[in-house]
Amino acid sequence: MLKNSWLKIRNVGITWSTFASLLKNKQMKKLALILVIGAVAFLSSCGMSSKEKAEKRIADSIRVADSIAMVQAEHQRVADSIAKVQAAQKKVADSIAHQDSIKKHLIKPAKKAKAAKPAPTKKAPKK
């Protein structure tokens, strides 16, 4: 049944017997082998060279390092902001505790310093 059927190879119809005779031909086998080797060589050369791969790897590692540095800088900024807020809250809490201690007479209030008189300035003698 296969011998009488038509094969469609790239929209060109040939009979099975013609195709079989082409495969038996040694020149056709050599040509097919050369074409296959050429196709493999062509496809293998389409990829990136080792130099390009190294450059891409270095660029990717630099990009990743930059991203990590940006994340660490943002983390440090957030930590600094949290530390500032905690310092302000501690200052407020200490002030409240100090005022509470004064109200409970646990400590004496600080004496208010008198305003110091400004030192008299010497006037230069007129000549």
N, C-alpha and C. Protein backbone atom coordinates (compact mmCIF):
# COMPACT_ATOMS: atom_id res chain seq x y z
N MET A 1 0.82 -1.20 0.00
CA MET A 1 0.00 0.00 0.00
C MET A 1 0.86 1.26 0.00
N LEU A 2 2.01 1.23 0.73
CA LEU A 2 2.88 2.39 0.77
C LEU A 2 3.55 2.64 -0.57
N LYS A 3 3.80 1.57 -1.36
CA LYS A 3 4.50 1.75 -2.62
C LYS A 3 3.67 2.56 -3.62
N ASN A 4 2.37 2.43 -3.57
CA ASN A 4 1.53 3.14 -4.52
C ASN A 4 1.06 4.50 -4.00
N SER A 5 1.26 4.75 -2.71
CA SER A 5 0.77 6.01 -2.15
C SER A 5 1.73 7.14 -2.49
N TRP A 6 1.22 8.34 -2.39
CA TRP A 6 2.00 9.54 -2.70
C TRP A 6 2.54 10.13 -1.40
N LEU A 7 3.76 10.56 -1.41
CA LEU A 7 4.35 11.26 -0.28
C LEU A 7 4.40 12.75 -0.60
N LYS A 8 4.05 13.54 0.35
CA LYS A 8 4.13 14.99 0.16
C LYS A 8 5.36 15.48 0.92
N ILE A 9 6.38 15.89 0.20
CA ILE A 9 7.57 16.45 0.81
C ILE A 9 7.66 17.89 0.34
N ARG A 10 7.35 18.78 1.24
CA ARG A 10 7.36 20.21 0.95
C ARG A 10 6.54 20.54 -0.29
N ASN A 11 5.35 20.06 -0.28
CA ASN A 11 4.38 20.30 -1.35
C ASN A 11 4.83 19.80 -2.71
N VAL A 12 5.75 18.84 -2.75
CA VAL A 12 6.16 18.23 -4.01
C VAL A 12 5.77 16.77 -3.92
N GLY A 13 4.95 16.32 -4.79
CA GLY A 13 4.48 14.93 -4.73
C GLY A 13 5.42 14.01 -5.48
N ILE A 14 5.93 12.97 -4.79
CA ILE A 14 6.74 11.94 -5.45
C ILE A 14 6.23 10.59 -4.99
N THR A 15 6.42 9.58 -5.82
CA THR A 15 5.95 8.24 -5.44
C THR A 15 6.97 7.59 -4.52
N TRP A 16 6.53 6.57 -3.83
CA TRP A 16 7.39 5.86 -2.88
C TRP A 16 8.58 5.23 -3.59
N SER A 17 8.37 4.71 -4.75
CA SER A 17 9.47 4.06 -5.48
C SER A 17 10.55 5.07 -5.86
N THR A 18 10.15 6.28 -6.23
CA THR A 18 11.12 7.32 -6.57
C THR A 18 11.91 7.74 -5.32
N PHE A 19 11.21 7.86 -4.21
CA PHE A 19 11.85 8.25 -2.96
C PHE A 19 12.82 7.16 -2.49
N ALA A 20 12.40 5.89 -2.61
CA ALA A 20 13.26 4.77 -2.21
C ALA A 20 14.50 4.71 -3.10
N SER A 21 14.36 4.97 -4.38
CA SER A 21 15.52 4.94 -5.27
C SER A 21 16.48 6.09 -4.94
N LEU A 22 15.96 7.24 -4.49
CA LEU A 22 16.82 8.34 -4.10
C LEU A 22 17.63 8.00 -2.85
N LEU A 23 16.99 7.29 -1.91
CA LEU A 23 17.69 6.91 -0.70
C LEU A 23 18.78 5.88 -0.96
N LYS A 24 18.60 5.05 -1.96
CA LYS A 24 19.59 4.02 -2.27
C LYS A 24 20.80 4.62 -2.97
N ASN A 25 20.64 5.74 -3.58
CA ASN A 25 21.72 6.38 -4.31
C ASN A 25 22.78 6.89 -3.32
N LYS A 26 24.05 6.52 -3.52
CA LYS A 26 25.12 6.89 -2.61
C LYS A 26 25.40 8.38 -2.65
N GLN A 27 25.27 8.99 -3.79
CA GLN A 27 25.50 10.43 -3.88
C GLN A 27 24.45 11.18 -3.06
N MET A 28 23.24 10.69 -3.07
CA MET A 28 22.18 11.34 -2.30
C MET A 28 22.45 11.20 -0.81
N LYS A 29 22.99 10.05 -0.39
CA LYS A 29 23.31 9.87 1.02
C LYS A 29 24.41 10.83 1.45
N LYS A 30 25.41 10.99 0.60
CA LYS A 30 26.50 11.90 0.93
C LYS A 30 25.98 13.34 1.00
N LEU A 31 25.14 13.68 0.06
CA LEU A 31 24.57 15.03 0.05
C LEU A 31 23.73 15.27 1.30
N ALA A 32 22.92 14.27 1.67
CA ALA A 32 22.09 14.39 2.87
C ALA A 32 22.97 14.52 4.11
N LEU A 33 24.05 13.75 4.17
CA LEU A 33 24.96 13.81 5.31
C LEU A 33 25.62 15.19 5.39
N ILE A 34 26.04 15.73 4.27
CA ILE A 34 26.65 17.06 4.24
C ILE A 34 25.65 18.12 4.67
N LEU A 35 24.42 17.98 4.20
CA LEU A 35 23.39 18.95 4.60
C LEU A 35 23.11 18.88 6.09
N VAL A 36 23.04 17.67 6.64
CA VAL A 36 22.78 17.52 8.08
C VAL A 36 23.93 18.10 8.89
N ILE A 37 25.16 17.82 8.49
CA ILE A 37 26.32 18.37 9.20
C ILE A 37 26.33 19.89 9.11
N GLY A 38 26.01 20.40 7.93
CA GLY A 38 25.94 21.86 7.75
C GLY A 38 24.87 22.48 8.63
N ALA A 39 23.72 21.82 8.72
CA ALA A 39 22.63 22.36 9.54
C ALA A 39 23.02 22.36 11.02
N VAL A 40 23.67 21.29 11.47
CA VAL A 40 24.11 21.22 12.87
C VAL A 40 25.15 22.30 13.15
N ALA A 41 26.09 22.47 12.23
CA ALA A 41 27.12 23.51 12.41
C ALA A 41 26.49 24.90 12.42
N PHE A 42 25.53 25.13 11.55
CA PHE A 42 24.85 26.42 11.49
C PHE A 42 24.09 26.70 12.78
N LEU A 43 23.37 25.69 13.27
CA LEU A 43 22.58 25.89 14.49
C LEU A 43 23.48 26.07 15.71
N SER A 44 24.61 25.38 15.75
CA SER A 44 25.50 25.54 16.89
C SER A 44 26.20 26.89 16.87
N SER A 45 26.40 27.45 15.70
CA SER A 45 27.05 28.76 15.62
C SER A 45 26.06 29.90 15.89
N CYS A 46 24.80 29.62 15.94
CA CYS A 46 23.82 30.68 16.18
C CYS A 46 23.82 31.15 17.62
N GLY A 47 24.32 30.33 18.55
CA GLY A 47 24.33 30.70 19.96
C GLY A 47 25.37 31.75 20.26
N MET A 48 25.38 32.21 21.52
CA MET A 48 26.35 33.22 21.93
C MET A 48 27.72 32.58 22.08
N SER A 49 28.75 33.36 21.81
CA SER A 49 30.11 32.88 21.98
C SER A 49 30.45 32.87 23.47
N SER A 50 31.55 32.26 23.81
CA SER A 50 31.93 32.19 25.22
C SER A 50 32.24 33.58 25.77
N LYS A 51 32.79 34.46 24.92
CA LYS A 51 33.06 35.83 25.37
C LYS A 51 31.76 36.55 25.66
N GLU A 52 30.77 36.40 24.80
CA GLU A 52 29.47 37.04 25.02
C GLU A 52 28.79 36.48 26.27
N LYS A 53 28.92 35.16 26.47
CA LYS A 53 28.34 34.56 27.67
C LYS A 53 28.99 35.11 28.93
N ALA A 54 30.31 35.28 28.91
CA ALA A 54 31.02 35.83 30.06
C ALA A 54 30.60 37.27 30.33
N GLU A 55 30.48 38.06 29.25
CA GLU A 55 30.03 39.45 29.41
C GLU A 55 28.62 39.51 29.98
N LYS A 56 27.75 38.63 29.49
CA LYS A 56 26.37 38.61 29.99
C LYS A 56 26.33 38.18 31.45
N ARG A 57 27.15 37.21 31.82
CA ARG A 57 27.20 36.74 33.20
C ARG A 57 27.68 37.87 34.12
N ILE A 58 28.71 38.61 33.68
CA ILE A 58 29.23 39.71 34.49
C ILE A 58 28.17 40.82 34.61
N ALA A 59 27.51 41.14 33.51
CA ALA A 59 26.47 42.18 33.55
C ALA A 59 25.32 41.76 34.47
N ASP A 60 24.94 40.49 34.42
CA ASP A 60 23.88 40.01 35.29
C ASP A 60 24.29 40.07 36.76
N SER A 61 25.54 39.70 37.05
CA SER A 61 25.99 39.74 38.44
C SER A 61 26.08 41.17 38.95
N ILE A 62 26.47 42.11 38.09
CA ILE A 62 26.51 43.52 38.49
C ILE A 62 25.10 44.02 38.75
N ARG A 63 24.17 43.64 37.88
CA ARG A 63 22.77 44.06 38.06
C ARG A 63 22.21 43.53 39.38
N VAL A 64 22.51 42.27 39.69
CA VAL A 64 22.03 41.66 40.94
C VAL A 64 22.67 42.36 42.14
N ALA A 65 23.98 42.64 42.05
CA ALA A 65 24.67 43.31 43.15
C ALA A 65 24.09 44.71 43.38
N ASP A 66 23.79 45.42 42.30
CA ASP A 66 23.18 46.75 42.44
C ASP A 66 21.81 46.65 43.09
N SER A 67 21.04 45.65 42.70
CA SER A 67 19.71 45.47 43.29
C SER A 67 19.82 45.17 44.78
N ILE A 68 20.77 44.33 45.14
CA ILE A 68 20.96 43.99 46.56
C ILE A 68 21.39 45.23 47.33
N ALA A 69 22.28 46.03 46.76
CA ALA A 69 22.73 47.26 47.43
C ALA A 69 21.57 48.23 47.64
N MET A 70 20.70 48.34 46.64
CA MET A 70 19.54 49.23 46.78
C MET A 70 18.61 48.75 47.88
N VAL A 71 18.40 47.45 47.97
CA VAL A 71 17.53 46.89 49.01
C VAL A 71 18.15 47.13 50.38
N GLN A 72 19.46 46.92 50.50
CA GLN A 72 20.13 47.14 51.78
C GLN A 72 20.08 48.61 52.19
N ALA A 73 20.25 49.52 51.23
CA ALA A 73 20.18 50.95 51.53
C ALA A 73 18.77 51.33 52.01
N GLU A 74 17.76 50.78 51.36
CA GLU A 74 16.38 51.05 51.78
C GLU A 74 16.13 50.48 53.18
N HIS A 75 16.67 49.30 53.45
CA HIS A 75 16.52 48.68 54.76
C HIS A 75 17.18 49.55 55.83
N GLN A 76 18.37 50.08 55.54
CA GLN A 76 19.07 50.95 56.48
C GLN A 76 18.30 52.24 56.71
N ARG A 77 17.72 52.79 55.65
CA ARG A 77 16.94 54.03 55.79
C ARG A 77 15.74 53.81 56.70
N VAL A 78 15.06 52.68 56.51
CA VAL A 78 13.90 52.35 57.34
C VAL A 78 14.33 52.15 58.79
N ALA A 79 15.46 51.45 59.00
CA ALA A 79 15.95 51.22 60.36
C ALA A 79 16.31 52.54 61.03
N ASP A 80 16.93 53.47 60.30
CA ASP A 80 17.26 54.79 60.86
C ASP A 80 16.00 55.56 61.23
N SER A 81 14.99 55.50 60.39
CA SER A 81 13.73 56.19 60.68
C SER A 81 13.07 55.62 61.93
N ILE A 82 13.09 54.31 62.06
CA ILE A 82 12.51 53.67 63.24
C ILE A 82 13.29 54.08 64.50
N ALA A 83 14.62 54.15 64.39
CA ALA A 83 15.44 54.55 65.54
C ALA A 83 15.14 55.99 65.95
N LYS A 84 14.93 56.89 64.98
CA LYS A 84 14.60 58.28 65.30
C LYS A 84 13.25 58.37 66.02
N VAL A 85 12.28 57.62 65.54
CA VAL A 85 10.95 57.64 66.17
C VAL A 85 11.03 57.08 67.58
N GLN A 86 11.79 56.00 67.76
CA GLN A 86 11.93 55.41 69.10
C GLN A 86 12.63 56.38 70.05
N ALA A 87 13.65 57.11 69.56
CA ALA A 87 14.34 58.09 70.40
C ALA A 87 13.39 59.20 70.81
N ALA A 88 12.56 59.67 69.89
CA ALA A 88 11.58 60.71 70.22
C ALA A 88 10.57 60.20 71.22
N GLN A 89 10.11 58.96 71.06
CA GLN A 89 9.15 58.39 72.01
C GLN A 89 9.77 58.23 73.39
N LYS A 90 11.05 57.84 73.45
CA LYS A 90 11.73 57.69 74.73
C LYS A 90 11.87 59.04 75.40
N LYS A 91 12.17 60.09 74.63
CA LYS A 91 12.31 61.43 75.19
C LYS A 91 10.98 61.89 75.79
N VAL A 92 9.89 61.64 75.09
CA VAL A 92 8.56 62.00 75.59
C VAL A 92 8.23 61.20 76.85
N ALA A 93 8.52 59.91 76.84
CA ALA A 93 8.24 59.06 78.00
C ALA A 93 9.06 59.50 79.21
N ASP A 94 10.34 59.87 79.00
CA ASP A 94 11.18 60.34 80.09
C ASP A 94 10.65 61.65 80.65
N SER A 95 10.20 62.53 79.78
CA SER A 95 9.65 63.81 80.22
C SER A 95 8.38 63.60 81.05
N ILE A 96 7.52 62.70 80.59
CA ILE A 96 6.29 62.39 81.33
C ILE A 96 6.63 61.77 82.68
N ALA A 97 7.61 60.88 82.71
CA ALA A 97 8.00 60.24 83.96
C ALA A 97 8.60 61.27 84.92
N HIS A 98 9.37 62.21 84.41
CA HIS A 98 9.96 63.25 85.24
C HIS A 98 8.86 64.13 85.85
N GLN A 99 7.90 64.55 85.04
CA GLN A 99 6.81 65.38 85.55
C GLN A 99 5.97 64.60 86.58
N ASP A 100 5.78 63.32 86.35
CA ASP A 100 5.02 62.49 87.28
C ASP A 100 5.77 62.37 88.61
N SER A 101 7.09 62.26 88.55
CA SER A 101 7.88 62.17 89.78
C SER A 101 7.82 63.47 90.56
N ILE A 102 7.80 64.60 89.87
CA ILE A 102 7.68 65.89 90.54
C ILE A 102 6.32 66.00 91.22
N LYS A 103 5.25 65.58 90.57
CA LYS A 103 3.90 65.64 91.13
C LYS A 103 3.77 64.76 92.37
N LYS A 104 4.46 63.66 92.38
CA LYS A 104 4.39 62.73 93.53
C LYS A 104 5.41 63.10 94.61
N HIS A 105 6.10 64.20 94.41
CA HIS A 105 7.10 64.73 95.33
C HIS A 105 8.24 63.73 95.56
N LEU A 106 8.58 63.00 94.57
CA LEU A 106 9.71 62.09 94.66
C LEU A 106 11.02 62.83 94.39
N ILE A 107 10.94 63.87 93.60
CA ILE A 107 12.10 64.70 93.32
C ILE A 107 11.67 66.16 93.38
N LYS A 108 12.64 67.02 93.62
CA LYS A 108 12.35 68.44 93.66
C LYS A 108 12.47 69.00 92.26
N PRO A 109 11.61 69.97 91.94
CA PRO A 109 11.75 70.59 90.63
C PRO A 109 13.06 71.37 90.53
N ALA A 110 13.56 71.46 89.37
CA ALA A 110 14.81 72.18 89.13
C ALA A 110 14.59 73.66 89.35
N LYS A 111 15.62 74.30 89.93
CA LYS A 111 15.52 75.73 90.17
C LYS A 111 15.66 76.45 88.85
N LYS A 112 14.86 77.46 88.72
CA LYS A 112 14.94 78.24 87.50
C LYS A 112 16.12 79.19 87.60
N ALA A 113 16.91 79.22 86.60
CA ALA A 113 18.08 80.11 86.58
C ALA A 113 17.62 81.52 86.27
N LYS A 114 18.21 82.48 87.01
CA LYS A 114 17.87 83.88 86.75
C LYS A 114 18.55 84.30 85.46
N ALA A 115 17.89 85.15 84.78
CA ALA A 115 18.45 85.66 83.54
C ALA A 115 19.67 86.51 83.86
N ALA A 116 20.76 86.18 83.30
CA ALA A 116 22.01 86.92 83.56
C ALA A 116 21.97 88.24 82.81
N LYS A 117 22.49 89.25 83.50
CA LYS A 117 22.55 90.55 82.87
C LYS A 117 23.67 90.52 81.85
N PRO A 118 23.44 91.15 80.72
CA PRO A 118 24.52 91.17 79.74
C PRO A 118 25.69 92.00 80.26
N ALA A 119 26.89 91.57 79.96
CA ALA A 119 28.09 92.27 80.41
C ALA A 119 28.16 93.62 79.71
N PRO A 120 28.53 94.67 80.45
CA PRO A 120 28.62 95.98 79.81
C PRO A 120 29.75 95.99 78.79
N THR A 121 29.45 96.58 77.69
CA THR A 121 30.46 96.67 76.63
C THR A 121 31.25 97.94 76.81
N LYS A 122 32.52 97.85 76.59
CA LYS A 122 33.37 99.03 76.72
C LYS A 122 33.29 99.82 75.43
N LYS A 123 33.10 101.08 75.63
CA LYS A 123 33.06 101.96 74.48
C LYS A 123 34.46 102.44 74.18
N ALA A 124 34.74 102.47 72.95
CA ALA A 124 36.06 102.95 72.54
C ALA A 124 36.13 104.45 72.73
N PRO A 125 37.22 104.95 73.30
CA PRO A 125 37.33 106.41 73.50
C PRO A 125 37.39 107.13 72.15
N LYS A 126 36.73 108.22 72.14
CA LYS A 126 36.70 109.02 70.91
C LYS A 126 37.95 109.86 70.83
N LYS A 127 38.50 109.99 69.72
CA LYS A 127 39.70 110.79 69.54
C LYS A 127 39.43 112.02 68.75
